Amino acid sequence: MNGPDAPADDDWVDPEIIRPYVVTRGRTQPTTGTFDLISMALTLRSPPGAEAGLDPEHLSILRMCREPKSVSEIAADLDLPINTIRVLLGDLYERNLVAAQDPHYETDMNDMNMYRAVLDGLRSL
């Protein structure tokens, strides 16, 4: 846009930055939960009605998570940053509308034998 109504370069803000900020109301961390990238979210129940005060993004997450979905899948499907999804999931978790299953690691990451086995395998290559 050109002319006197055109925003100066300093005044222009990318809408892709504004949307997540507005959706989370400026929050950068969930109030409850951590929600790892591969944590699975599952809708427990539908919101009690229109008075629930949920935003469209919250409702989209509830619809998507009727079957378990990972945090990264939700972010990709809604085209929102991971941290935005974490904040929204925290809102839903706090209201007992979703359950979250954190990943279970089968390997103890502090097990030195595992690291030695990896190193031995790499040396044998």
N, C-alpha and C. Protein backbone atom coordinates (compact mmCIF):
# COMPACT_ATOMS: atom_id res chain seq x y z
N MET A 1 0.83 -1.16 0.00
CA MET A 1 0.00 0.00 0.00
C MET A 1 0.88 1.23 0.00
N ASN A 2 0.61 2.14 -0.89
CA ASN A 2 1.39 3.38 -1.01
C ASN A 2 0.51 4.56 -0.67
N GLY A 3 1.12 5.70 -0.43
CA GLY A 3 0.36 6.90 -0.17
C GLY A 3 0.44 7.30 1.29
N PRO A 4 -0.34 8.33 1.65
CA PRO A 4 -0.24 8.85 3.02
C PRO A 4 -0.78 7.90 4.08
N ASP A 5 -1.67 6.96 3.68
CA ASP A 5 -2.22 6.02 4.65
C ASP A 5 -1.37 4.77 4.85
N ALA A 6 -0.32 4.64 4.06
CA ALA A 6 0.54 3.46 4.15
C ALA A 6 1.30 3.48 5.47
N PRO A 7 1.40 2.34 6.13
CA PRO A 7 2.16 2.31 7.39
C PRO A 7 3.65 2.46 7.11
N ALA A 8 4.33 3.16 7.99
CA ALA A 8 5.78 3.27 7.89
C ALA A 8 6.38 1.90 8.18
N ASP A 9 7.59 1.68 7.68
CA ASP A 9 8.23 0.39 7.89
C ASP A 9 8.33 0.04 9.37
N ASP A 10 8.52 1.06 10.22
CA ASP A 10 8.63 0.81 11.66
C ASP A 10 7.28 0.44 12.28
N ASP A 11 6.16 0.83 11.64
CA ASP A 11 4.83 0.58 12.18
C ASP A 11 4.27 -0.76 11.77
N TRP A 12 4.84 -1.39 10.77
CA TRP A 12 4.30 -2.63 10.24
C TRP A 12 4.67 -3.78 11.15
N VAL A 13 3.67 -4.58 11.51
CA VAL A 13 3.89 -5.76 12.34
C VAL A 13 3.30 -6.95 11.61
N ASP A 14 4.06 -8.02 11.56
CA ASP A 14 3.63 -9.23 10.88
C ASP A 14 2.43 -9.84 11.60
N PRO A 15 1.30 -10.05 10.89
CA PRO A 15 0.12 -10.65 11.53
C PRO A 15 0.37 -12.05 12.07
N GLU A 16 1.36 -12.76 11.52
CA GLU A 16 1.67 -14.10 12.03
C GLU A 16 2.25 -14.04 13.43
N ILE A 17 2.77 -12.89 13.83
CA ILE A 17 3.29 -12.72 15.19
C ILE A 17 2.15 -12.30 16.11
N ILE A 18 1.25 -11.49 15.63
CA ILE A 18 0.17 -10.96 16.46
C ILE A 18 -0.83 -12.05 16.82
N ARG A 19 -1.20 -12.92 15.89
CA ARG A 19 -2.24 -13.91 16.14
C ARG A 19 -1.96 -14.79 17.36
N PRO A 20 -0.78 -15.43 17.47
CA PRO A 20 -0.54 -16.25 18.66
C PRO A 20 -0.61 -15.43 19.95
N TYR A 21 -0.15 -14.21 19.91
CA TYR A 21 -0.18 -13.35 21.09
C TYR A 21 -1.61 -13.08 21.53
N VAL A 22 -2.48 -12.82 20.56
CA VAL A 22 -3.88 -12.56 20.85
C VAL A 22 -4.58 -13.82 21.34
N VAL A 23 -4.30 -14.95 20.68
CA VAL A 23 -4.95 -16.21 21.04
C VAL A 23 -4.64 -16.59 22.48
N THR A 24 -3.43 -16.34 22.94
CA THR A 24 -3.03 -16.71 24.30
C THR A 24 -3.20 -15.56 25.29
N ARG A 25 -3.68 -14.43 24.80
CA ARG A 25 -3.83 -13.23 25.63
C ARG A 25 -2.49 -12.81 26.26
N GLY A 26 -1.44 -12.99 25.48
CA GLY A 26 -0.11 -12.58 25.91
C GLY A 26 0.62 -13.57 26.78
N ARG A 27 0.01 -14.69 27.11
CA ARG A 27 0.67 -15.69 27.95
C ARG A 27 1.66 -16.50 27.12
N THR A 28 2.77 -16.83 27.73
CA THR A 28 3.79 -17.60 27.01
C THR A 28 3.99 -18.99 27.57
N GLN A 29 3.42 -19.28 28.73
CA GLN A 29 3.54 -20.59 29.36
C GLN A 29 2.17 -21.07 29.80
N PRO A 30 1.93 -22.38 29.72
CA PRO A 30 0.65 -22.89 30.22
C PRO A 30 0.56 -22.72 31.74
N THR A 31 -0.65 -22.51 32.24
CA THR A 31 -0.83 -22.38 33.68
C THR A 31 -0.69 -23.73 34.37
N THR A 32 -0.97 -24.80 33.63
CA THR A 32 -0.89 -26.16 34.16
C THR A 32 -0.27 -27.07 33.11
N GLY A 33 0.63 -27.94 33.52
CA GLY A 33 1.20 -28.92 32.59
C GLY A 33 2.38 -28.38 31.82
N THR A 34 3.13 -29.31 31.21
CA THR A 34 4.30 -28.92 30.41
C THR A 34 4.09 -29.22 28.93
N PHE A 35 3.44 -30.30 28.60
CA PHE A 35 3.09 -30.66 27.23
C PHE A 35 4.30 -30.72 26.31
N ASP A 36 5.01 -31.83 26.38
CA ASP A 36 6.13 -32.14 25.51
C ASP A 36 5.63 -32.22 24.06
N LEU A 37 6.51 -32.10 23.09
CA LEU A 37 6.12 -32.18 21.68
C LEU A 37 5.37 -33.46 21.34
N ILE A 38 5.74 -34.56 22.01
CA ILE A 38 5.10 -35.83 21.70
C ILE A 38 4.08 -36.26 22.75
N SER A 39 3.76 -35.35 23.69
CA SER A 39 2.68 -35.62 24.63
C SER A 39 1.40 -35.80 23.85
N MET A 40 0.57 -36.72 24.31
CA MET A 40 -0.70 -36.99 23.64
C MET A 40 -1.83 -36.32 24.40
N ALA A 41 -2.71 -35.64 23.67
CA ALA A 41 -3.88 -34.99 24.26
C ALA A 41 -5.13 -35.71 23.80
N LEU A 42 -6.08 -35.85 24.70
CA LEU A 42 -7.34 -36.52 24.40
C LEU A 42 -8.47 -35.77 25.07
N THR A 43 -9.51 -35.48 24.29
CA THR A 43 -10.68 -34.80 24.83
C THR A 43 -11.41 -35.73 25.79
N LEU A 44 -11.69 -35.23 26.99
CA LEU A 44 -12.42 -36.00 27.99
C LEU A 44 -13.92 -35.79 27.88
N ARG A 45 -14.30 -34.55 27.63
CA ARG A 45 -15.72 -34.21 27.51
C ARG A 45 -15.85 -32.91 26.75
N SER A 46 -17.01 -32.68 26.22
CA SER A 46 -17.29 -31.43 25.52
C SER A 46 -17.50 -30.32 26.55
N PRO A 47 -17.26 -29.07 26.14
CA PRO A 47 -17.51 -27.98 27.08
C PRO A 47 -19.00 -27.93 27.44
N PRO A 48 -19.32 -27.40 28.61
CA PRO A 48 -20.70 -27.41 29.06
C PRO A 48 -21.66 -26.57 28.22
N GLY A 49 -21.19 -25.78 27.31
CA GLY A 49 -22.07 -24.99 26.46
C GLY A 49 -21.38 -23.71 26.05
N ALA A 50 -22.15 -22.85 25.41
CA ALA A 50 -21.60 -21.60 24.91
C ALA A 50 -21.05 -20.74 26.05
N GLU A 51 -21.58 -20.91 27.24
CA GLU A 51 -21.12 -20.10 28.37
C GLU A 51 -19.75 -20.53 28.87
N ALA A 52 -19.18 -21.56 28.29
CA ALA A 52 -17.88 -22.05 28.73
C ALA A 52 -16.78 -21.02 28.50
N GLY A 53 -17.00 -20.06 27.62
CA GLY A 53 -16.03 -19.01 27.40
C GLY A 53 -14.77 -19.46 26.68
N LEU A 54 -14.89 -20.44 25.83
CA LEU A 54 -13.73 -20.93 25.09
C LEU A 54 -13.61 -20.23 23.75
N ASP A 55 -12.38 -20.02 23.35
CA ASP A 55 -12.11 -19.40 22.05
C ASP A 55 -12.23 -20.45 20.95
N PRO A 56 -12.34 -20.02 19.69
CA PRO A 56 -12.44 -20.97 18.58
C PRO A 56 -11.26 -21.95 18.53
N GLU A 57 -10.08 -21.50 18.89
CA GLU A 57 -8.91 -22.38 18.88
C GLU A 57 -9.05 -23.49 19.93
N HIS A 58 -9.59 -23.15 21.10
CA HIS A 58 -9.85 -24.16 22.13
C HIS A 58 -10.82 -25.21 21.59
N LEU A 59 -11.88 -24.74 20.96
CA LEU A 59 -12.89 -25.66 20.44
C LEU A 59 -12.33 -26.53 19.33
N SER A 60 -11.44 -25.97 18.50
CA SER A 60 -10.79 -26.76 17.45
C SER A 60 -9.95 -27.88 18.05
N ILE A 61 -9.23 -27.56 19.13
CA ILE A 61 -8.42 -28.58 19.80
C ILE A 61 -9.32 -29.68 20.35
N LEU A 62 -10.43 -29.31 20.97
CA LEU A 62 -11.33 -30.32 21.52
C LEU A 62 -11.88 -31.24 20.43
N ARG A 63 -12.21 -30.66 19.27
CA ARG A 63 -12.70 -31.50 18.16
C ARG A 63 -11.60 -32.42 17.65
N MET A 64 -10.39 -31.89 17.50
CA MET A 64 -9.29 -32.68 16.97
C MET A 64 -8.90 -33.83 17.89
N CYS A 65 -9.02 -33.60 19.18
CA CYS A 65 -8.51 -34.56 20.16
C CYS A 65 -9.55 -35.56 20.62
N ARG A 66 -10.58 -35.75 19.82
CA ARG A 66 -11.51 -36.84 20.14
C ARG A 66 -10.79 -38.17 20.04
N GLU A 67 -9.76 -38.19 19.23
CA GLU A 67 -8.80 -39.30 19.17
C GLU A 67 -7.47 -38.70 19.61
N PRO A 68 -6.62 -39.46 20.27
CA PRO A 68 -5.36 -38.90 20.77
C PRO A 68 -4.53 -38.24 19.66
N LYS A 69 -4.04 -37.06 19.96
CA LYS A 69 -3.18 -36.30 19.05
C LYS A 69 -1.99 -35.77 19.83
N SER A 70 -0.84 -35.74 19.17
CA SER A 70 0.34 -35.17 19.82
C SER A 70 0.28 -33.65 19.74
N VAL A 71 1.02 -33.02 20.63
CA VAL A 71 1.08 -31.56 20.65
C VAL A 71 1.58 -31.04 19.30
N SER A 72 2.57 -31.71 18.73
CA SER A 72 3.11 -31.25 17.44
C SER A 72 2.08 -31.40 16.32
N GLU A 73 1.26 -32.46 16.35
CA GLU A 73 0.21 -32.62 15.34
C GLU A 73 -0.83 -31.51 15.45
N ILE A 74 -1.20 -31.17 16.66
CA ILE A 74 -2.19 -30.12 16.88
C ILE A 74 -1.65 -28.80 16.34
N ALA A 75 -0.40 -28.50 16.65
CA ALA A 75 0.22 -27.25 16.19
C ALA A 75 0.26 -27.19 14.66
N ALA A 76 0.61 -28.30 14.05
CA ALA A 76 0.68 -28.33 12.58
C ALA A 76 -0.71 -28.15 11.96
N ASP A 77 -1.70 -28.86 12.51
CA ASP A 77 -3.05 -28.77 11.95
C ASP A 77 -3.67 -27.39 12.12
N LEU A 78 -3.38 -26.73 13.24
CA LEU A 78 -3.95 -25.40 13.49
C LEU A 78 -3.06 -24.27 12.99
N ASP A 79 -1.87 -24.62 12.51
CA ASP A 79 -0.91 -23.64 12.01
C ASP A 79 -0.61 -22.58 13.07
N LEU A 80 -0.32 -23.07 14.27
CA LEU A 80 0.04 -22.20 15.39
C LEU A 80 1.34 -22.70 16.00
N PRO A 81 2.12 -21.80 16.60
CA PRO A 81 3.37 -22.22 17.25
C PRO A 81 3.12 -23.20 18.40
N ILE A 82 4.10 -24.03 18.66
CA ILE A 82 4.01 -25.04 19.72
C ILE A 82 3.67 -24.40 21.07
N ASN A 83 4.33 -23.30 21.42
CA ASN A 83 4.07 -22.69 22.73
C ASN A 83 2.64 -22.18 22.84
N THR A 84 2.08 -21.73 21.74
CA THR A 84 0.67 -21.30 21.75
C THR A 84 -0.23 -22.49 22.05
N ILE A 85 0.05 -23.62 21.42
CA ILE A 85 -0.74 -24.83 21.65
C ILE A 85 -0.58 -25.28 23.10
N ARG A 86 0.62 -25.17 23.64
CA ARG A 86 0.83 -25.55 25.05
C ARG A 86 -0.02 -24.71 25.99
N VAL A 87 -0.10 -23.42 25.72
CA VAL A 87 -0.92 -22.53 26.55
C VAL A 87 -2.39 -22.91 26.45
N LEU A 88 -2.86 -23.15 25.22
CA LEU A 88 -4.26 -23.51 25.01
C LEU A 88 -4.59 -24.85 25.66
N LEU A 89 -3.69 -25.83 25.53
CA LEU A 89 -3.89 -27.12 26.17
C LEU A 89 -3.91 -26.97 27.69
N GLY A 90 -3.08 -26.10 28.22
CA GLY A 90 -3.09 -25.84 29.66
C GLY A 90 -4.44 -25.32 30.13
N ASP A 91 -5.04 -24.43 29.32
CA ASP A 91 -6.38 -23.92 29.64
C ASP A 91 -7.40 -25.06 29.70
N LEU A 92 -7.35 -25.92 28.69
CA LEU A 92 -8.30 -27.03 28.60
C LEU A 92 -8.05 -28.07 29.69
N TYR A 93 -6.80 -28.31 30.00
CA TYR A 93 -6.43 -29.26 31.05
C TYR A 93 -6.92 -28.78 32.41
N GLU A 94 -6.76 -27.48 32.63
CA GLU A 94 -7.19 -26.87 33.89
C GLU A 94 -8.70 -27.01 34.10
N ARG A 95 -9.47 -27.01 33.01
CA ARG A 95 -10.93 -27.15 33.07
C ARG A 95 -11.38 -28.61 32.99
N ASN A 96 -10.43 -29.52 33.01
CA ASN A 96 -10.70 -30.97 32.91
C ASN A 96 -11.44 -31.33 31.62
N LEU A 97 -11.10 -30.64 30.54
CA LEU A 97 -11.69 -30.95 29.25
C LEU A 97 -10.80 -31.86 28.41
N VAL A 98 -9.49 -31.88 28.72
CA VAL A 98 -8.56 -32.78 28.03
C VAL A 98 -7.68 -33.48 29.05
N ALA A 99 -7.20 -34.63 28.65
CA ALA A 99 -6.19 -35.36 29.42
C ALA A 99 -4.91 -35.32 28.60
N ALA A 100 -3.80 -35.34 29.28
CA ALA A 100 -2.51 -35.33 28.59
C ALA A 100 -1.69 -36.50 29.08
N GLN A 101 -1.11 -37.21 28.16
CA GLN A 101 -0.24 -38.35 28.48
C GLN A 101 1.17 -37.98 28.06
N ASP A 102 2.05 -37.82 29.03
CA ASP A 102 3.44 -37.52 28.72
C ASP A 102 4.12 -38.77 28.18
N PRO A 103 5.16 -38.58 27.36
CA PRO A 103 5.86 -39.76 26.80
C PRO A 103 6.56 -40.55 27.90
N HIS A 104 6.59 -41.84 27.72
CA HIS A 104 7.32 -42.72 28.63
C HIS A 104 8.57 -43.20 27.90
N TYR A 105 9.70 -42.90 28.49
CA TYR A 105 10.96 -43.30 27.89
C TYR A 105 11.35 -44.67 28.42
N GLU A 106 11.63 -45.58 27.51
CA GLU A 106 11.97 -46.93 27.91
C GLU A 106 13.41 -47.03 28.38
N THR A 107 14.22 -46.06 28.00
CA THR A 107 15.62 -46.10 28.35
C THR A 107 15.90 -45.07 29.44
N ASP A 108 16.65 -45.48 30.43
CA ASP A 108 17.09 -44.55 31.46
C ASP A 108 18.21 -43.70 30.87
N MET A 109 17.95 -42.40 30.72
CA MET A 109 18.92 -41.52 30.06
C MET A 109 20.17 -41.28 30.92
N ASN A 110 20.15 -41.72 32.16
CA ASN A 110 21.32 -41.58 33.03
C ASN A 110 22.11 -42.89 33.13
N ASP A 111 21.73 -43.89 32.36
CA ASP A 111 22.39 -45.19 32.39
C ASP A 111 23.67 -45.13 31.57
N MET A 112 24.81 -45.16 32.24
CA MET A 112 26.10 -45.07 31.56
C MET A 112 26.36 -46.27 30.65
N ASN A 113 25.79 -47.42 30.97
CA ASN A 113 25.97 -48.60 30.12
C ASN A 113 25.37 -48.38 28.74
N MET A 114 24.27 -47.65 28.68
CA MET A 114 23.64 -47.35 27.39
C MET A 114 24.58 -46.49 26.54
N TYR A 115 25.19 -45.48 27.15
CA TYR A 115 26.12 -44.62 26.42
C TYR A 115 27.36 -45.38 25.96
N ARG A 116 27.85 -46.27 26.80
CA ARG A 116 29.02 -47.08 26.41
C ARG A 116 28.68 -47.98 25.23
N ALA A 117 27.48 -48.56 25.25
CA ALA A 117 27.05 -49.42 24.15
C ALA A 117 26.93 -48.62 22.85
N VAL A 118 26.44 -47.41 22.93
CA VAL A 118 26.34 -46.55 21.74
C VAL A 118 27.73 -46.22 21.22
N LEU A 119 28.64 -45.84 22.13
CA LEU A 119 30.00 -45.54 21.71
C LEU A 119 30.70 -46.75 21.09
N ASP A 120 30.51 -47.91 21.70
CA ASP A 120 31.12 -49.12 21.15
C ASP A 120 30.56 -49.41 19.76
N GLY A 121 29.28 -49.20 19.58
CA GLY A 121 28.65 -49.42 18.27
C GLY A 121 29.20 -48.46 17.24
N LEU A 122 29.39 -47.20 17.64
CA LEU A 122 29.95 -46.21 16.70
C LEU A 122 31.40 -46.54 16.35
N ARG A 123 32.18 -46.98 17.31
CA ARG A 123 33.58 -47.33 17.07
C ARG A 123 33.69 -48.52 16.10
N SER A 124 32.72 -49.42 16.21
CA SER A 124 32.79 -50.63 15.35
C SER A 124 32.46 -50.31 13.89
N LEU A 125 31.88 -49.15 13.64
CA LEU A 125 31.59 -48.76 12.26
C LEU A 125 32.88 -48.41 11.59
